[in-house]
Each structure stands twice: as C-alpha cells, then as structure tokens.
C-alpha cells in the first residue's frame, strides 16, 4: 500500500490518509489485527475470515483436519491460498496498525469542525445523533422530542450504524463468495464447451470415415455385379451372332440353288434339260432336308436373373442411428424418472 503517493495527491493529508486506511470489505478503518495478503493488499482479519468462510463453507476452524483453502482478494481478485491455519496463518501488517493508532490519536486531539458531522435540516444547530426505526431515517434528538418523529421508535445511531455495517459486510462477503463460485462455473462451462466442440469434430471424422468405407464397399460390389452381367451378355450375344452367321450361310446357299433352278427352267431343249434336272432336283430336296440349325429358347435374351433387391439395404440405411453408451442410457432413464416425478 503506497500511503505517501495517496497522501500527496490530496490537499488534506489527514483525509487522504483516512482513505488509505479504509477496508474494502467493511468500508471502515482497518481494525486490529490487520492482515497483509500475498498481493500486498490489506484487510481486517475479521473481514478476511468472513470472505474465507464464505468461499470455503466446509472449513470449520484452524484446528480442523481440512488442509487449507482459498479465496480471492476483493481489491485485485488475486487468488489467495491458505494453509491449515486459514486466515490466522496470514502475516499481520504492523506498519498499518501503528499508522492507524497514530491517526486515531491525532483525530481525538483535534477539535470537531463545523460541517464535519451531518446536521438536521429541521433544526440546523442539532447534530443527527439518533435513528428513527419507524421511518428508517437518521434524525436528531429535537425531532424525536418536538418534531416529526416524536411518536416514532428510535434507536442509538451507532447501534443501527454498526448493525447495518455488519449486514452490508455479510452481503459483500456473500457476493464475493458467489462471484468466485460463478467464475468457477463459467470456467467449467467454457471447458465443457471446448470439450464438446473437440469431441464433436472427432465424432464427425469417425462417422465420415465409416460412411466412406461403406461407400467404397458398395462401389466394389457394384463393379463385381456389373462384370457378371457383362460376362453373361458376352456369352449370349456370341451365341446369337453364331446362329445369325449360320442362317446367313444357309440363306446364301438356298438363294444360289433358286437361281440355278430358274436357269434350268429356261432350257427349251428336252435332252439338255433332262441331263441336269434330276441332279438339280436331288440337290434341292437334300438341301431342303438339310440339318436343322440351332435356335434360342423363348426368353433367352432376358436378364431378369441378374436383378438385385436392395430394399432391405435401404431399410437398414434408413434405420442407421447412433448407439447409446451405457452411461447415456442411464442418463436418459434418469431424465424420464425425473419427468414422471
């Protein structure tokens, strides 16, 4: 704590010194013993203990078997780690204690100047020295005796002052502890968010790899089945082409015999006709009785035998879904039970 710098910045050294001696928790002057934190900020030991107890609700006492704890400095949010002695293990700031003693002695020896104490608006010469509990406002004794608060319940100003200061101190401690818990939850949520993103990317990569492998397997099977169809197509077309060639050869021979027979019919001489007619007739009859050529059966050209039913695969693809791990199943079962309850 840089007291000299703070004092030089203000025209009134005593007022500046008083600002430097205010505890950030109770907003009062440090009370003995003052503790100095590792970050060099100071707190009343009671205030430090209140903040520590709020941040560590399961820490019972300095004789507890629980080993230490932690809280954050209310001035700079620096994390303070404590041993098993808790706040009582922190070092006392004797310099600040001595300065406070000197300051209090100096203040007690100074006469009270007019304007340093709030005065009553209704009775300008009366100091505000009591608290109206009914109206919840500070007032003066004259207001209680003759003024607007004569029928109200009043209490000593210092009593209400200390009570509300204590209440505010407790609220600050709760806020500080609550902020620490919220910060911890935020850090945990941020870690969970990062882990979720990383796990999601890993799951996407694995899913893509599995589907790519499945597509490759389907492509390989498709190529195999296409090759079988192509092979069967070649066998059937080769056989049909062979039959076409045989029928063309027979047609060509028959056409030549027809031409020869027509030429023989044009012969006018009986002797010349009879010399070739018998042999020609025999050849035509033999050609007509010639070996029968092969034929294809009905439906020979059909390729229905190579049809593939993929309906069961389509149903399997549509039914693809993620498998739940055991802990996920227990989680969802627990959710259903909670909903039923």
Protein backbone atom coordinates (compact mmCIF):
# COMPACT_ATOMS: atom_id res chain seq x y z
CA UNK A 1 0.00 0.00 0.00
CA UNK A 2 1.56 3.28 -1.15
CA UNK A 3 0.47 5.70 1.58
CA UNK A 4 2.79 8.53 0.57
CA UNK A 5 1.57 8.70 -3.04
CA UNK A 6 -2.05 8.73 -1.90
CA UNK A 7 -1.40 11.48 0.63
CA UNK A 8 0.45 13.72 -1.80
CA UNK A 9 -2.41 13.58 -4.29
CA UNK A 10 -4.82 15.22 -1.82
CA UNK A 11 -4.59 18.67 -0.37
CA UNK A 12 -5.66 17.45 3.09
CA UNK A 13 -3.15 14.82 4.31
CA UNK A 14 -5.38 13.51 7.11
CA UNK A 15 -8.37 12.95 4.81
CA UNK A 16 -6.16 11.27 2.24
CA UNK A 17 -4.60 9.10 4.94
CA UNK A 18 -8.06 8.09 6.16
CA UNK A 19 -8.99 6.95 2.62
CA UNK A 20 -5.87 4.79 2.53
CA UNK A 21 -6.85 3.12 5.80
CA UNK A 22 -10.35 2.01 4.73
CA UNK A 23 -11.01 -1.73 4.47
CA UNK A 24 -12.54 -2.65 1.05
CA UNK A 25 -14.92 -5.10 2.78
CA UNK A 26 -16.47 -3.31 5.75
CA UNK A 27 -15.65 0.19 4.39
CA UNK A 28 -14.40 1.15 7.83
CA UNK A 29 -10.93 1.85 9.08
CA UNK A 30 -8.85 -1.31 9.43
CA UNK A 31 -9.34 -2.96 12.80
CA UNK A 32 -6.63 -4.84 14.64
CA UNK A 33 -5.09 -7.09 13.74
CA UNK A 34 -4.65 -6.13 10.09
CA UNK A 35 -3.53 -8.92 7.72
CA UNK A 36 -1.48 -8.41 4.57
CA UNK A 37 -2.30 -10.61 1.58
CA UNK A 38 0.28 -12.02 -0.85
CA UNK A 39 -0.83 -9.36 -3.35
CA UNK A 40 0.17 -6.67 -0.80
CA UNK A 41 -3.42 -5.54 -0.15
CA UNK A 42 -4.74 -5.30 3.42
CA UNK A 43 -7.92 -6.48 5.11
CA UNK A 44 -9.30 -6.58 8.60
CA UNK A 45 -8.72 -10.06 9.96
CA UNK A 46 -12.45 -10.44 10.65
CA UNK A 47 -13.33 -9.35 7.10
CA UNK A 48 -10.71 -11.68 5.63
CA UNK A 49 -12.08 -14.51 7.74
CA UNK A 50 -15.67 -13.74 6.61
CA UNK A 51 -14.62 -13.81 2.95
CA UNK A 52 -12.64 -17.00 3.52
CA UNK A 53 -15.52 -18.72 5.32
CA UNK A 54 -17.93 -17.72 2.54
CA UNK A 55 -15.62 -19.13 -0.13
CA UNK A 56 -14.88 -22.28 1.92
CA UNK A 57 -18.11 -23.23 3.69
CA UNK A 58 -16.76 -26.66 4.77
CA UNK A 59 -13.69 -25.19 6.52
CA UNK A 60 -14.56 -25.22 10.23
CA UNK A 61 -11.68 -23.82 12.25
CA UNK A 62 -7.94 -23.56 12.39
CA UNK A 63 -7.92 -26.82 14.35
CA UNK A 64 -9.86 -28.58 11.59
CA UNK A 65 -8.33 -31.55 9.81
CA UNK A 66 -9.17 -29.93 6.47
CA UNK A 67 -5.95 -28.66 4.89
CA UNK A 68 -6.24 -25.01 3.97
CA UNK A 69 -8.44 -23.30 1.43
CA UNK A 70 -8.53 -20.33 -0.92
CA UNK A 71 -10.37 -17.09 -1.69
CA UNK A 72 -9.87 -14.05 -3.93
CA UNK A 73 -8.64 -10.64 -2.87
CA UNK A 74 -11.62 -8.22 -3.09
CA UNK A 75 -9.32 -5.46 -4.38
CA UNK A 76 -7.49 -7.18 -7.26
CA UNK A 77 -9.16 -10.66 -7.50
CA UNK A 78 -5.79 -12.30 -6.90
CA UNK A 79 -6.27 -15.85 -5.59
CA UNK A 80 -5.02 -16.27 -2.02
CA UNK A 81 -4.00 -19.77 -0.94
CA UNK A 82 -4.12 -20.53 2.79
CA UNK A 83 -2.67 -23.35 4.86
CA UNK A 84 -4.45 -25.32 7.56
CA UNK A 85 -4.38 -22.27 9.87
CA UNK A 86 -6.67 -20.37 7.49
CA UNK A 87 -6.73 -16.59 7.88
CA UNK A 88 -4.76 -16.87 11.13
CA UNK A 89 -1.78 -18.01 9.09
CA UNK A 90 -1.59 -14.65 7.24
CA UNK A 91 1.02 -12.10 8.26
CA UNK A 92 -0.02 -9.08 10.33
CA UNK A 93 0.73 -5.64 8.90
CA UNK A 94 2.21 -3.96 11.97
CA UNK A 95 3.06 -0.83 10.00
CA UNK A 96 -0.57 -0.18 9.11
CA UNK A 97 -1.61 -0.93 12.70
CA UNK A 98 0.82 1.66 14.03
CA UNK A 99 -0.34 4.22 11.45
CA UNK A 100 -3.97 3.64 12.49
CA UNK A 101 -3.08 4.16 16.17
CA UNK A 102 -1.29 7.43 15.36
CA UNK A 103 -4.18 8.57 13.17
CA UNK A 104 -6.77 7.87 15.87
CA UNK A 105 -4.71 9.73 18.46
CA UNK A 106 -4.39 12.69 16.11
CA UNK A 107 -8.15 12.69 15.38
CA UNK A 108 -9.05 12.51 19.07
CA UNK A 109 -6.87 15.57 19.83
CA UNK A 110 -8.37 17.68 17.02
CA UNK A 111 -11.49 19.80 17.78
CA UNK A 112 -14.55 18.88 15.73
CA UNK A 113 -15.06 21.42 12.97
CA UNK A 114 -18.46 22.61 11.96
CA UNK A 115 -19.67 20.74 8.95
CA UNK A 116 -17.77 17.52 9.71
CA UNK A 117 -20.90 15.98 11.25
CA UNK A 118 -24.27 15.90 9.43
CA UNK A 119 -26.70 18.44 10.85
CA UNK A 120 -30.51 18.22 10.98
CA UNK A 121 -32.32 20.12 8.24
CA UNK A 122 -35.23 21.00 10.56
CA UNK A 123 -33.00 22.03 13.47
CA UNK A 124 -29.83 23.46 11.95
CA UNK A 125 -27.95 23.58 15.24
CA UNK A 126 -28.70 19.96 16.11
CA UNK A 127 -26.46 17.08 15.05
CA UNK A 128 -28.02 13.93 13.64
CA UNK A 129 -27.40 11.52 16.50
CA UNK A 130 -30.33 9.04 16.57
CA UNK A 131 -32.06 6.75 14.08
CA UNK A 132 -35.81 6.58 13.55
CA UNK A 133 -36.60 2.87 13.29
CA UNK A 134 -40.19 3.55 12.21
CA UNK A 135 -39.31 5.84 9.29
CA UNK A 136 -35.88 4.25 8.71
CA UNK A 137 -34.05 7.58 8.54
CA UNK A 138 -31.36 9.26 10.69
CA UNK A 139 -32.62 12.25 12.70
CA UNK A 140 -31.82 14.43 15.71
CA UNK A 141 -33.00 14.47 19.31
CA UNK A 142 -35.15 17.57 18.80
CA UNK A 143 -37.12 15.82 16.05
CA UNK A 144 -37.81 12.99 18.49
CA UNK A 145 -38.90 15.31 21.30
CA UNK A 146 -40.79 18.04 19.42
CA UNK A 147 -40.63 17.25 15.72
CA UNK A 148 -41.96 14.83 13.15
CA UNK A 149 -40.58 11.71 14.88
CA UNK A 150 -41.96 12.26 18.37
CA UNK A 151 -44.31 9.25 18.07
CA UNK A 152 -41.74 7.01 16.32
CA UNK A 153 -39.47 4.32 17.71
CA UNK A 154 -35.84 5.40 17.74
CA UNK A 155 -32.52 3.76 18.45
CA UNK A 156 -28.96 4.97 19.01
CA UNK A 157 -27.38 5.95 15.72
CA UNK A 158 -24.19 3.98 16.43
CA UNK A 159 -26.19 0.79 17.12
CA UNK A 160 -28.02 0.96 13.79
CA UNK A 161 -24.79 2.04 12.12
CA UNK A 162 -22.90 -1.00 13.38
CA UNK A 163 -25.81 -3.32 12.58
CA UNK A 164 -26.16 -2.14 9.00
CA UNK A 165 -22.41 -2.11 8.52
CA UNK A 166 -22.31 -5.72 9.71
CA UNK A 167 -25.22 -6.61 7.41
CA UNK A 168 -23.55 -4.90 4.46
CA UNK A 169 -20.29 -6.66 5.31
CA UNK A 170 -22.07 -10.00 5.26
CA UNK A 171 -23.67 -9.12 1.93
CA UNK A 172 -20.30 -8.22 0.47
CA UNK A 173 -18.86 -11.50 1.71
CA UNK A 174 -21.73 -13.41 0.12
CA UNK A 175 -21.27 -11.52 -3.13
CA UNK A 176 -17.54 -12.18 -3.17
CA UNK A 177 -18.07 -15.88 -2.47
CA UNK A 178 -20.87 -16.01 -5.02
CA UNK A 179 -18.66 -14.34 -7.63
CA UNK A 180 -15.95 -16.93 -7.00
CA UNK A 181 -18.46 -19.75 -7.45
CA UNK A 182 -19.85 -18.16 -10.59
CA UNK A 183 -16.35 -17.73 -12.01
CA UNK A 184 -15.64 -21.39 -11.27
CA UNK A 185 -18.86 -22.43 -13.01
CA UNK A 186 -18.02 -20.21 -16.01
CA UNK A 187 -14.59 -21.82 -16.27
CA UNK A 188 -16.13 -25.28 -16.07
CA UNK A 189 -18.73 -24.39 -18.71
CA UNK A 190 -16.04 -22.98 -21.01
CA UNK A 191 -14.04 -26.19 -20.60
CA UNK A 192 -17.17 -28.22 -21.33
CA UNK A 193 -17.86 -26.12 -24.43
CA UNK A 194 -14.33 -26.69 -25.75
CA UNK A 195 -14.52 -30.41 -24.99
CA UNK A 196 -17.91 -30.62 -26.72
CA UNK A 197 -16.53 -28.98 -29.86
CA UNK A 198 -13.45 -31.22 -29.91
CA UNK A 199 -15.48 -34.39 -29.29
CA UNK A 200 -18.00 -33.37 -31.96
CA UNK A 201 -15.26 -32.89 -34.56
CA UNK A 202 -13.79 -36.29 -33.67
CA UNK A 203 -17.23 -37.92 -33.96
CA UNK A 204 -17.79 -36.27 -37.35
CA UNK A 205 -14.44 -37.53 -38.64
CA UNK A 206 -15.17 -41.06 -37.45
CA UNK A 207 -18.67 -41.00 -38.98
CA UNK A 208 -17.34 -39.76 -42.33
CA UNK A 209 -14.66 -42.46 -42.33
CA UNK A 210 -17.23 -45.19 -41.67
CA UNK A 211 -19.55 -43.95 -44.42
CA UNK A 212 -16.64 -43.60 -46.86
CA UNK A 213 -15.67 -47.21 -46.15
CA UNK A 214 -19.28 -48.31 -46.68
CA UNK A 215 -19.48 -46.39 -49.99
CA UNK A 216 -16.21 -47.97 -51.13
CA UNK A 217 -17.56 -51.43 -50.29
CA UNK A 218 -20.77 -50.71 -52.23
CA UNK A 219 -18.77 -49.48 -55.24
CA UNK A 220 -16.65 -52.63 -55.17
CA UNK A 221 -19.75 -54.85 -55.02
CA UNK A 222 -21.41 -52.88 -57.81
CA UNK A 223 -18.36 -53.34 -60.06
CA UNK A 224 -18.39 -57.09 -59.35
CA UNK A 225 -22.09 -57.47 -60.25
CA UNK A 226 -21.70 -55.33 -63.37
CA UNK A 227 -18.84 -57.56 -64.50
CA UNK A 228 -21.03 -60.65 -64.10
CA UNK A 229 -23.79 -59.09 -66.20
CA UNK A 230 -21.25 -58.06 -68.84
CA UNK A 231 -19.85 -61.61 -68.96
CA UNK A 232 -23.31 -63.13 -69.38
CA UNK A 233 -24.12 -60.56 -72.04
CA UNK A 234 -21.00 -61.53 -73.99
CA UNK A 235 -21.80 -65.24 -73.86
CA UNK A 236 -25.36 -64.77 -75.07
CA UNK A 237 -24.54 -62.28 -77.82
CA UNK A 238 -21.69 -64.52 -79.09
CA UNK A 239 -24.07 -67.49 -79.32
CA UNK A 240 -26.74 -65.45 -81.12
CA UNK A 241 -24.19 -63.97 -83.53
CA UNK A 242 -23.02 -67.53 -84.36
CA UNK A 243 -26.59 -68.55 -85.17
CA UNK A 244 -27.01 -65.46 -87.35
CA UNK A 245 -23.90 -66.42 -89.35
CA UNK A 246 -25.15 -70.00 -89.82
CA UNK A 247 -28.58 -68.85 -91.04
CA UNK A 248 -26.97 -66.35 -93.39
CA UNK A 249 -24.80 -69.10 -94.91
CA UNK A 250 -27.86 -71.35 -95.38
CA UNK A 251 -29.79 -68.46 -96.92
CA UNK A 252 -26.95 -67.79 -99.34
CA UNK A 253 -26.79 -71.47 -100.44
CA UNK A 254 -30.57 -71.61 -100.90
CA UNK A 255 -30.52 -68.42 -102.97
CA UNK A 256 -27.88 -69.87 -105.30
CA UNK A 257 -29.96 -73.07 -105.76
CA UNK A 258 -33.00 -70.95 -106.61
CA UNK A 259 -31.01 -69.11 -109.28
CA UNK A 260 -29.71 -72.39 -110.70
CA UNK A 261 -33.22 -73.87 -110.81
CA UNK A 262 -34.59 -70.78 -112.56
CA UNK A 263 -31.86 -71.03 -115.18
CA UNK A 264 -32.70 -74.73 -115.72
CA UNK A 265 -36.36 -73.84 -116.20
CA UNK A 266 -35.37 -71.58 -119.06
CA UNK A 267 -33.87 -74.55 -121.02
CA UNK A 268 -36.06 -75.36 -124.03
CA UNK A 269 -34.34 -78.48 -125.23
CA UNK A 270 -35.66 -81.63 -123.62
CA UNK A 271 -32.43 -83.54 -123.76
CA UNK A 272 -30.36 -80.75 -122.35
CA UNK A 273 -32.94 -80.14 -119.51
CA UNK A 274 -33.12 -83.79 -118.55
CA UNK A 275 -29.35 -84.10 -118.31
CA UNK A 276 -29.23 -81.69 -115.31
CA UNK A 277 -32.78 -81.70 -113.98
CA UNK A 278 -32.62 -84.90 -111.94
CA UNK A 279 -29.40 -83.97 -110.19
CA UNK A 280 -30.69 -80.44 -109.52
CA UNK A 281 -33.94 -81.79 -108.06
CA UNK A 282 -31.97 -84.18 -105.83
CA UNK A 283 -29.75 -81.34 -104.61
CA UNK A 284 -32.74 -79.12 -103.87
CA UNK A 285 -34.51 -81.93 -101.98
CA UNK A 286 -31.35 -82.69 -99.97
CA UNK A 287 -30.90 -79.01 -99.24
CA UNK A 288 -34.47 -78.84 -98.03
CA UNK A 289 -33.86 -81.86 -95.79
CA UNK A 290 -30.52 -80.48 -94.59
CA UNK A 291 -29.53 -80.47 -90.90
CA UNK A 292 -31.56 -78.18 -88.79
CA UNK A 293 -29.79 -75.17 -87.40
CA UNK A 294 -29.82 -74.22 -83.71
CA UNK A 295 -32.41 -71.93 -82.14
CA UNK A 296 -32.67 -69.89 -78.95
CA UNK A 297 -35.27 -70.66 -76.35
CA UNK A 298 -38.07 -68.23 -75.51
CA UNK A 299 -36.83 -65.58 -73.08
CA UNK A 300 -33.19 -66.40 -73.85
CA UNK A 301 -32.44 -62.67 -74.15
CA UNK A 302 -33.90 -61.89 -70.72
CA UNK A 303 -31.52 -60.73 -67.96
CA UNK A 304 -34.02 -60.95 -65.12
CA UNK A 305 -31.78 -63.39 -63.30
CA UNK A 306 -29.43 -60.54 -62.56
CA UNK A 307 -31.94 -58.29 -60.75
CA UNK A 308 -30.90 -57.32 -57.21
CA UNK A 309 -33.27 -56.35 -54.39
CA UNK A 310 -31.85 -53.51 -52.32
CA UNK A 311 -34.94 -52.82 -50.26
CA UNK A 312 -33.51 -54.48 -47.15
CA UNK A 313 -30.35 -52.39 -47.52
CA UNK A 314 -32.44 -49.23 -47.94
CA UNK A 315 -34.33 -50.09 -44.76
CA UNK A 316 -31.04 -50.74 -42.96
CA UNK A 317 -29.69 -47.37 -44.14
CA UNK A 318 -32.85 -45.58 -43.00
CA UNK A 319 -32.57 -47.34 -39.64
CA UNK A 320 -28.98 -46.19 -39.10
CA UNK A 321 -28.66 -44.29 -35.82
CA UNK A 322 -26.16 -43.64 -33.07
CA UNK A 323 -25.65 -46.27 -30.42
CA UNK A 324 -26.14 -45.06 -26.85
CA UNK A 325 -23.42 -45.89 -24.37
CA UNK A 326 -24.43 -47.39 -21.02
CA UNK A 327 -23.89 -44.13 -19.15
CA UNK A 328 -26.00 -42.27 -21.74
CA UNK A 329 -28.83 -44.78 -21.33
CA UNK A 330 -28.69 -44.33 -17.55
CA UNK A 331 -28.73 -40.55 -18.04
CA UNK A 332 -31.84 -40.63 -20.24
CA UNK A 333 -33.53 -43.13 -17.90
CA UNK A 334 -32.88 -40.76 -15.03
CA UNK A 335 -34.37 -37.88 -17.01
CA UNK A 336 -37.53 -39.89 -17.67
CA UNK A 337 -37.85 -40.69 -13.98
CA UNK A 338 -37.44 -37.02 -13.12
CA UNK A 339 -40.15 -36.07 -15.63
CA UNK A 340 -42.52 -38.68 -14.17
CA UNK A 341 -41.88 -37.40 -10.67
